[in-house]
Amino acid sequence: MILVSACLIGINCKYNGYNNKNEKVIQYLKDKQFIIACPEQLGGMSTPRDPSEIIELDTDDIIKGQTIVISNKSLDVTNKFKEGAKETLKIANIYNCKEAILKDGSPSCGSSYIYDGTFSSKKIDGVGVTTVLLINNGIKVISEKEL
């Protein structure tokens, strides 16, 4: 079973109320079993919601409580991201997911890059909160770009 970011298959759960529908992902999943999730919604965030970015580069520190995620209105949303990551991991474990296809760039789902925390659209190497939790629990995470 494959865990997939809900936005990648066309679910309007992205922060701006839209999606990141990706035909390559949809075609790849055509003959496979998969389950969808939106970690940010699972963490109790609304759609639409204010954009959020990770402040510290080492995302693993978020799980340990040493890094924060803030919205563009300077609200600390770290706990919502951590809760969403935990709920996503629960789903992955229930369905025995061994791999995940997550939306790159997201503060939850990024697997090769995230935004730098300045809300200036600058990308940096890094991973999202959910991605690091899944990887730390033995689930292979790739982005839509790696298919």
N, C-alpha and C. Protein backbone atom coordinates (compact mmCIF):
# COMPACT_ATOMS: atom_id res chain seq x y z
N MET A 1 0.86 -1.18 0.00
CA MET A 1 0.00 0.00 0.00
C MET A 1 0.90 1.24 0.00
N ILE A 2 0.49 2.23 -0.77
CA ILE A 2 1.25 3.48 -0.89
C ILE A 2 0.44 4.61 -0.27
N LEU A 3 1.08 5.41 0.56
CA LEU A 3 0.48 6.61 1.12
C LEU A 3 0.74 7.75 0.14
N VAL A 4 -0.28 8.56 -0.15
CA VAL A 4 -0.15 9.63 -1.14
C VAL A 4 -0.72 10.93 -0.60
N SER A 5 0.00 12.03 -0.83
CA SER A 5 -0.54 13.35 -0.49
C SER A 5 -1.84 13.55 -1.26
N ALA A 6 -2.90 13.86 -0.54
CA ALA A 6 -4.22 14.01 -1.16
C ALA A 6 -4.23 15.08 -2.25
N CYS A 7 -3.47 16.14 -2.06
CA CYS A 7 -3.46 17.22 -3.06
C CYS A 7 -2.95 16.74 -4.42
N LEU A 8 -2.08 15.72 -4.42
CA LEU A 8 -1.49 15.25 -5.67
C LEU A 8 -2.49 14.53 -6.57
N ILE A 9 -3.58 14.04 -6.00
CA ILE A 9 -4.57 13.38 -6.85
C ILE A 9 -5.79 14.26 -7.09
N GLY A 10 -5.67 15.54 -6.72
CA GLY A 10 -6.72 16.50 -7.07
C GLY A 10 -7.65 16.91 -5.95
N ILE A 11 -7.39 16.49 -4.71
CA ILE A 11 -8.22 16.90 -3.58
C ILE A 11 -7.84 18.34 -3.21
N ASN A 12 -8.84 19.20 -3.08
CA ASN A 12 -8.59 20.60 -2.74
C ASN A 12 -8.31 20.76 -1.25
N CYS A 13 -7.07 20.44 -0.87
CA CYS A 13 -6.66 20.52 0.54
C CYS A 13 -5.40 21.36 0.73
N LYS A 14 -4.92 21.94 -0.34
CA LYS A 14 -3.74 22.79 -0.28
C LYS A 14 -4.04 24.04 0.54
N TYR A 15 -3.03 24.69 1.08
CA TYR A 15 -3.23 25.85 1.95
C TYR A 15 -4.12 26.92 1.34
N ASN A 16 -4.07 27.08 0.02
CA ASN A 16 -4.86 28.12 -0.65
C ASN A 16 -6.24 27.65 -1.10
N GLY A 17 -6.60 26.43 -0.72
CA GLY A 17 -7.90 25.88 -1.07
C GLY A 17 -7.93 25.13 -2.39
N TYR A 18 -6.79 25.07 -3.06
CA TYR A 18 -6.71 24.36 -4.34
C TYR A 18 -5.95 23.05 -4.15
N ASN A 19 -5.44 22.50 -5.25
CA ASN A 19 -4.74 21.22 -5.19
C ASN A 19 -3.47 21.28 -6.02
N ASN A 20 -2.74 20.20 -6.00
CA ASN A 20 -1.51 20.04 -6.80
C ASN A 20 -1.66 18.82 -7.71
N LYS A 21 -2.82 18.67 -8.32
CA LYS A 21 -3.10 17.49 -9.14
C LYS A 21 -1.94 17.23 -10.10
N ASN A 22 -1.51 15.98 -10.10
CA ASN A 22 -0.36 15.58 -10.89
C ASN A 22 -0.71 14.33 -11.69
N GLU A 23 -0.82 14.49 -12.99
CA GLU A 23 -1.23 13.37 -13.85
C GLU A 23 -0.24 12.21 -13.81
N LYS A 24 1.03 12.51 -13.64
CA LYS A 24 2.04 11.46 -13.56
C LYS A 24 1.78 10.58 -12.33
N VAL A 25 1.44 11.20 -11.21
CA VAL A 25 1.13 10.45 -9.99
C VAL A 25 -0.13 9.61 -10.20
N ILE A 26 -1.15 10.21 -10.78
CA ILE A 26 -2.41 9.50 -11.02
C ILE A 26 -2.18 8.29 -11.92
N GLN A 27 -1.41 8.46 -12.97
CA GLN A 27 -1.12 7.34 -13.88
C GLN A 27 -0.31 6.25 -13.17
N TYR A 28 0.66 6.66 -12.37
CA TYR A 28 1.49 5.71 -11.64
C TYR A 28 0.64 4.86 -10.69
N LEU A 29 -0.35 5.47 -10.08
CA LEU A 29 -1.18 4.77 -9.09
C LEU A 29 -2.31 3.94 -9.69
N LYS A 30 -2.51 4.06 -10.99
CA LYS A 30 -3.66 3.45 -11.66
C LYS A 30 -3.89 1.98 -11.30
N ASP A 31 -2.84 1.20 -11.23
CA ASP A 31 -2.99 -0.24 -10.96
C ASP A 31 -2.41 -0.63 -9.60
N LYS A 32 -2.32 0.35 -8.69
CA LYS A 32 -1.74 0.11 -7.38
C LYS A 32 -2.74 0.42 -6.27
N GLN A 33 -2.52 -0.17 -5.11
CA GLN A 33 -3.35 0.15 -3.95
C GLN A 33 -2.70 1.33 -3.22
N PHE A 34 -3.53 2.32 -2.90
CA PHE A 34 -3.01 3.49 -2.21
C PHE A 34 -4.06 4.08 -1.29
N ILE A 35 -3.59 4.88 -0.36
CA ILE A 35 -4.45 5.61 0.58
C ILE A 35 -3.97 7.06 0.57
N ILE A 36 -4.91 7.99 0.66
CA ILE A 36 -4.54 9.40 0.62
C ILE A 36 -4.60 10.01 2.03
N ALA A 37 -3.83 11.07 2.20
CA ALA A 37 -3.85 11.81 3.46
C ALA A 37 -3.38 13.23 3.22
N CYS A 38 -3.90 14.15 4.00
CA CYS A 38 -3.39 15.52 4.05
C CYS A 38 -2.97 15.77 5.49
N PRO A 39 -1.68 15.71 5.79
CA PRO A 39 -1.23 15.87 7.17
C PRO A 39 -1.69 17.17 7.82
N GLU A 40 -1.75 18.24 7.08
CA GLU A 40 -2.15 19.52 7.67
C GLU A 40 -3.62 19.50 8.09
N GLN A 41 -4.48 18.90 7.27
CA GLN A 41 -5.87 18.75 7.68
C GLN A 41 -5.98 17.79 8.85
N LEU A 42 -5.22 16.71 8.82
CA LEU A 42 -5.24 15.74 9.93
C LEU A 42 -4.75 16.36 11.23
N GLY A 43 -3.97 17.41 11.12
CA GLY A 43 -3.49 18.12 12.31
C GLY A 43 -4.47 19.17 12.81
N GLY A 44 -5.61 19.29 12.13
CA GLY A 44 -6.64 20.22 12.57
C GLY A 44 -6.64 21.57 11.89
N MET A 45 -5.85 21.70 10.83
CA MET A 45 -5.82 22.98 10.12
C MET A 45 -6.93 23.03 9.09
N SER A 46 -7.45 24.21 8.85
CA SER A 46 -8.54 24.38 7.90
C SER A 46 -8.00 24.48 6.47
N THR A 47 -8.90 24.39 5.54
CA THR A 47 -8.59 24.65 4.14
C THR A 47 -9.64 25.62 3.64
N PRO A 48 -9.24 26.81 3.16
CA PRO A 48 -7.84 27.28 3.08
C PRO A 48 -7.30 27.64 4.46
N ARG A 49 -5.98 27.87 4.51
CA ARG A 49 -5.28 28.25 5.74
C ARG A 49 -4.12 29.16 5.37
N ASP A 50 -3.59 29.85 6.35
CA ASP A 50 -2.43 30.70 6.09
C ASP A 50 -1.23 29.83 5.73
N PRO A 51 -0.40 30.28 4.78
CA PRO A 51 0.82 29.53 4.47
C PRO A 51 1.72 29.44 5.70
N SER A 52 2.45 28.36 5.80
CA SER A 52 3.35 28.13 6.93
C SER A 52 4.71 27.68 6.42
N GLU A 53 5.74 27.98 7.19
CA GLU A 53 7.09 27.56 6.83
C GLU A 53 7.84 27.14 8.08
N ILE A 54 8.81 26.26 7.89
CA ILE A 54 9.67 25.78 8.97
C ILE A 54 10.75 26.82 9.22
N ILE A 55 10.96 27.14 10.48
CA ILE A 55 11.94 28.17 10.82
C ILE A 55 13.36 27.62 10.88
N GLU A 56 13.55 26.44 11.42
CA GLU A 56 14.88 25.85 11.50
C GLU A 56 15.06 24.82 10.40
N LEU A 57 16.28 24.68 9.91
CA LEU A 57 16.57 23.76 8.82
C LEU A 57 16.43 22.30 9.22
N ASP A 58 16.85 21.93 10.43
CA ASP A 58 16.83 20.54 10.84
C ASP A 58 15.42 20.13 11.28
N THR A 59 14.66 19.60 10.35
CA THR A 59 13.27 19.26 10.61
C THR A 59 13.14 18.19 11.69
N ASP A 60 14.13 17.34 11.84
CA ASP A 60 14.08 16.31 12.87
C ASP A 60 13.91 16.95 14.25
N ASP A 61 14.41 18.18 14.41
CA ASP A 61 14.27 18.89 15.68
C ASP A 61 12.81 19.22 15.99
N ILE A 62 11.96 19.33 14.97
CA ILE A 62 10.55 19.64 15.22
C ILE A 62 9.92 18.54 16.07
N ILE A 63 10.18 17.29 15.70
CA ILE A 63 9.61 16.16 16.43
C ILE A 63 10.12 16.19 17.88
N LYS A 64 11.35 16.61 18.07
CA LYS A 64 11.93 16.68 19.41
C LYS A 64 11.51 17.96 20.15
N GLY A 65 10.80 18.85 19.48
CA GLY A 65 10.32 20.07 20.12
C GLY A 65 11.31 21.21 20.12
N GLN A 66 12.30 21.17 19.24
CA GLN A 66 13.34 22.19 19.23
C GLN A 66 13.26 23.15 18.05
N THR A 67 12.31 22.98 17.18
CA THR A 67 12.16 23.81 15.99
C THR A 67 10.69 24.18 15.88
N ILE A 68 10.41 25.28 15.20
CA ILE A 68 9.01 25.67 15.07
C ILE A 68 8.60 25.86 13.62
N VAL A 69 7.29 25.76 13.42
CA VAL A 69 6.67 26.07 12.14
C VAL A 69 5.76 27.26 12.41
N ILE A 70 5.89 28.30 11.61
CA ILE A 70 5.04 29.48 11.81
C ILE A 70 4.24 29.78 10.55
N SER A 71 3.12 30.44 10.75
CA SER A 71 2.31 30.91 9.62
C SER A 71 2.87 32.26 9.18
N ASN A 72 2.38 32.71 8.04
CA ASN A 72 2.83 34.01 7.54
C ASN A 72 2.30 35.16 8.40
N LYS A 73 1.47 34.84 9.37
CA LYS A 73 0.98 35.84 10.33
C LYS A 73 1.68 35.68 11.68
N SER A 74 2.82 34.99 11.67
CA SER A 74 3.66 34.78 12.85
C SER A 74 3.01 33.96 13.96
N LEU A 75 2.05 33.11 13.61
CA LEU A 75 1.44 32.21 14.57
C LEU A 75 2.21 30.89 14.60
N ASP A 76 2.49 30.39 15.78
CA ASP A 76 3.19 29.11 15.94
C ASP A 76 2.18 27.99 15.67
N VAL A 77 2.38 27.26 14.59
CA VAL A 77 1.49 26.15 14.22
C VAL A 77 2.22 24.80 14.32
N THR A 78 3.31 24.80 15.05
CA THR A 78 4.13 23.59 15.19
C THR A 78 3.32 22.39 15.66
N ASN A 79 2.51 22.58 16.70
CA ASN A 79 1.75 21.45 17.24
C ASN A 79 0.77 20.88 16.24
N LYS A 80 0.19 21.71 15.41
CA LYS A 80 -0.72 21.20 14.38
C LYS A 80 0.04 20.35 13.36
N PHE A 81 1.24 20.77 12.99
CA PHE A 81 2.05 20.00 12.05
C PHE A 81 2.51 18.69 12.67
N LYS A 82 2.89 18.72 13.95
CA LYS A 82 3.30 17.50 14.63
C LYS A 82 2.13 16.53 14.75
N GLU A 83 0.96 17.05 15.12
CA GLU A 83 -0.24 16.20 15.24
C GLU A 83 -0.60 15.58 13.89
N GLY A 84 -0.55 16.38 12.84
CA GLY A 84 -0.83 15.87 11.50
C GLY A 84 0.14 14.78 11.07
N ALA A 85 1.41 14.95 11.42
CA ALA A 85 2.42 13.95 11.11
C ALA A 85 2.12 12.64 11.85
N LYS A 86 1.77 12.76 13.12
CA LYS A 86 1.46 11.57 13.92
C LYS A 86 0.23 10.83 13.38
N GLU A 87 -0.79 11.59 13.01
CA GLU A 87 -2.01 10.97 12.47
C GLU A 87 -1.73 10.31 11.11
N THR A 88 -0.89 10.95 10.31
CA THR A 88 -0.52 10.38 9.01
C THR A 88 0.25 9.08 9.22
N LEU A 89 1.16 9.06 10.19
CA LEU A 89 1.89 7.83 10.50
C LEU A 89 0.93 6.74 10.96
N LYS A 90 -0.07 7.07 11.76
CA LYS A 90 -1.06 6.08 12.18
C LYS A 90 -1.74 5.44 10.96
N ILE A 91 -2.15 6.28 10.02
CA ILE A 91 -2.80 5.78 8.80
C ILE A 91 -1.84 4.87 8.04
N ALA A 92 -0.59 5.32 7.89
CA ALA A 92 0.41 4.51 7.17
C ALA A 92 0.59 3.15 7.85
N ASN A 93 0.60 3.15 9.17
CA ASN A 93 0.77 1.88 9.89
C ASN A 93 -0.46 0.98 9.79
N ILE A 94 -1.64 1.57 9.88
CA ILE A 94 -2.88 0.79 9.76
C ILE A 94 -2.93 0.08 8.41
N TYR A 95 -2.52 0.78 7.36
CA TYR A 95 -2.58 0.22 6.01
C TYR A 95 -1.27 -0.43 5.57
N ASN A 96 -0.32 -0.55 6.50
CA ASN A 96 0.96 -1.21 6.24
C ASN A 96 1.68 -0.59 5.04
N CYS A 97 1.68 0.72 4.98
CA CYS A 97 2.36 1.43 3.88
C CYS A 97 3.87 1.32 4.07
N LYS A 98 4.55 0.97 3.01
CA LYS A 98 6.01 0.88 3.02
C LYS A 98 6.63 2.05 2.26
N GLU A 99 5.80 2.75 1.49
CA GLU A 99 6.30 3.91 0.77
C GLU A 99 5.24 4.99 0.70
N ALA A 100 5.70 6.21 0.45
CA ALA A 100 4.80 7.35 0.36
C ALA A 100 5.26 8.26 -0.77
N ILE A 101 4.27 8.84 -1.45
CA ILE A 101 4.53 9.86 -2.47
C ILE A 101 3.93 11.15 -1.92
N LEU A 102 4.81 12.08 -1.55
CA LEU A 102 4.38 13.30 -0.90
C LEU A 102 4.78 14.53 -1.71
N LYS A 103 4.03 15.62 -1.52
CA LYS A 103 4.23 16.85 -2.28
C LYS A 103 5.49 17.58 -1.82
N ASP A 104 6.46 17.68 -2.71
CA ASP A 104 7.70 18.35 -2.37
C ASP A 104 7.47 19.84 -2.14
N GLY A 105 8.26 20.41 -1.24
CA GLY A 105 8.15 21.83 -0.93
C GLY A 105 7.26 22.14 0.25
N SER A 106 6.37 21.24 0.57
CA SER A 106 5.43 21.44 1.67
C SER A 106 6.15 21.35 3.02
N PRO A 107 5.75 22.18 3.99
CA PRO A 107 6.35 22.06 5.32
C PRO A 107 5.96 20.76 6.02
N SER A 108 4.96 20.08 5.51
CA SER A 108 4.60 18.75 6.01
C SER A 108 5.27 17.67 5.17
N CYS A 109 5.13 17.78 3.86
CA CYS A 109 5.43 16.68 2.95
C CYS A 109 6.71 16.80 2.14
N GLY A 110 7.40 17.91 2.21
CA GLY A 110 8.61 18.08 1.42
C GLY A 110 9.60 16.95 1.66
N SER A 111 10.22 16.46 0.58
CA SER A 111 11.18 15.37 0.74
C SER A 111 12.57 15.72 0.21
N SER A 112 12.67 16.78 -0.58
CA SER A 112 14.00 17.21 -1.01
C SER A 112 14.21 18.71 -0.78
N TYR A 113 13.11 19.47 -0.74
CA TYR A 113 13.23 20.89 -0.44
C TYR A 113 12.02 21.39 0.34
N ILE A 114 12.23 22.47 1.06
CA ILE A 114 11.18 23.21 1.75
C ILE A 114 11.48 24.69 1.53
N TYR A 115 10.62 25.55 2.00
CA TYR A 115 10.89 26.98 1.92
C TYR A 115 11.65 27.41 3.17
N ASP A 116 12.42 28.48 3.06
CA ASP A 116 13.43 28.83 4.07
C ASP A 116 12.93 29.49 5.34
N GLY A 117 11.63 29.71 5.47
CA GLY A 117 11.10 30.30 6.69
C GLY A 117 10.98 31.81 6.67
N THR A 118 11.28 32.41 5.52
CA THR A 118 11.21 33.87 5.41
C THR A 118 10.01 34.33 4.59
N PHE A 119 9.25 33.38 4.05
CA PHE A 119 8.09 33.68 3.20
C PHE A 119 8.49 34.53 2.00
N SER A 120 9.68 34.27 1.48
CA SER A 120 10.19 34.99 0.31
C SER A 120 10.28 34.10 -0.93
N SER A 121 9.68 32.91 -0.85
CA SER A 121 9.68 31.90 -1.93
C SER A 121 11.06 31.29 -2.18
N LYS A 122 11.99 31.47 -1.26
CA LYS A 122 13.32 30.87 -1.39
C LYS A 122 13.29 29.43 -0.92
N LYS A 123 13.72 28.52 -1.81
CA LYS A 123 13.76 27.10 -1.51
C LYS A 123 15.12 26.71 -0.94
N ILE A 124 15.09 25.77 0.02
CA ILE A 124 16.32 25.23 0.59
C ILE A 124 16.20 23.71 0.69
N ASP A 125 17.33 23.04 0.74
CA ASP A 125 17.31 21.60 0.97
C ASP A 125 16.70 21.33 2.34
N GLY A 126 15.83 20.36 2.41
CA GLY A 126 15.22 20.01 3.67
C GLY A 126 14.00 19.14 3.48
N VAL A 127 13.46 18.65 4.59
CA VAL A 127 12.28 17.79 4.54
C VAL A 127 11.22 18.32 5.50
N GLY A 128 9.97 17.95 5.22
CA GLY A 128 8.85 18.39 6.03
C GLY A 128 8.67 17.54 7.28
N VAL A 129 7.79 18.00 8.13
CA VAL A 129 7.55 17.37 9.43
C VAL A 129 7.04 15.94 9.27
N THR A 130 6.06 15.74 8.41
CA THR A 130 5.52 14.39 8.21
C THR A 130 6.56 13.49 7.55
N THR A 131 7.28 14.03 6.60
CA THR A 131 8.30 13.23 5.91
C THR A 131 9.32 12.67 6.88
N VAL A 132 9.84 13.52 7.77
CA VAL A 132 10.86 13.03 8.70
C VAL A 132 10.30 11.97 9.64
N LEU A 133 9.06 12.12 10.07
CA LEU A 133 8.46 11.12 10.94
C LEU A 133 8.27 9.79 10.21
N LEU A 134 7.81 9.85 8.96
CA LEU A 134 7.64 8.62 8.18
C LEU A 134 8.98 7.93 7.95
N ILE A 135 9.98 8.70 7.55
CA ILE A 135 11.31 8.13 7.30
C ILE A 135 11.86 7.50 8.58
N ASN A 136 11.72 8.20 9.70
CA ASN A 136 12.21 7.67 10.98
C ASN A 136 11.49 6.39 11.40
N ASN A 137 10.36 6.12 10.76
CA ASN A 137 9.60 4.90 11.07
C ASN A 137 9.65 3.89 9.93
N GLY A 138 10.66 4.01 9.08
CA GLY A 138 10.94 2.99 8.06
C GLY A 138 10.11 3.07 6.80
N ILE A 139 9.47 4.19 6.55
CA ILE A 139 8.67 4.34 5.33
C ILE A 139 9.45 5.16 4.32
N LYS A 140 9.61 4.60 3.14
CA LYS A 140 10.33 5.29 2.07
C LYS A 140 9.47 6.42 1.54
N VAL A 141 10.02 7.63 1.46
CA VAL A 141 9.28 8.79 0.98
C VAL A 141 9.95 9.31 -0.28
N ILE A 142 9.12 9.51 -1.32
CA ILE A 142 9.60 10.16 -2.54
C ILE A 142 8.64 11.30 -2.88
N SER A 143 9.10 12.17 -3.74
CA SER A 143 8.22 13.25 -4.19
C SER A 143 7.60 12.88 -5.52
N GLU A 144 6.64 13.67 -5.93
CA GLU A 144 6.00 13.47 -7.22
C GLU A 144 6.99 13.59 -8.36
N LYS A 145 8.09 14.30 -8.14
CA LYS A 145 9.09 14.52 -9.19
C LYS A 145 9.97 13.31 -9.40
N GLU A 146 9.94 12.38 -8.47
CA GLU A 146 10.81 11.20 -8.55
C GLU A 146 10.18 10.01 -9.25
N LEU A 147 8.95 10.16 -9.72
CA LEU A 147 8.29 9.05 -10.42
C LEU A 147 8.82 8.91 -11.83
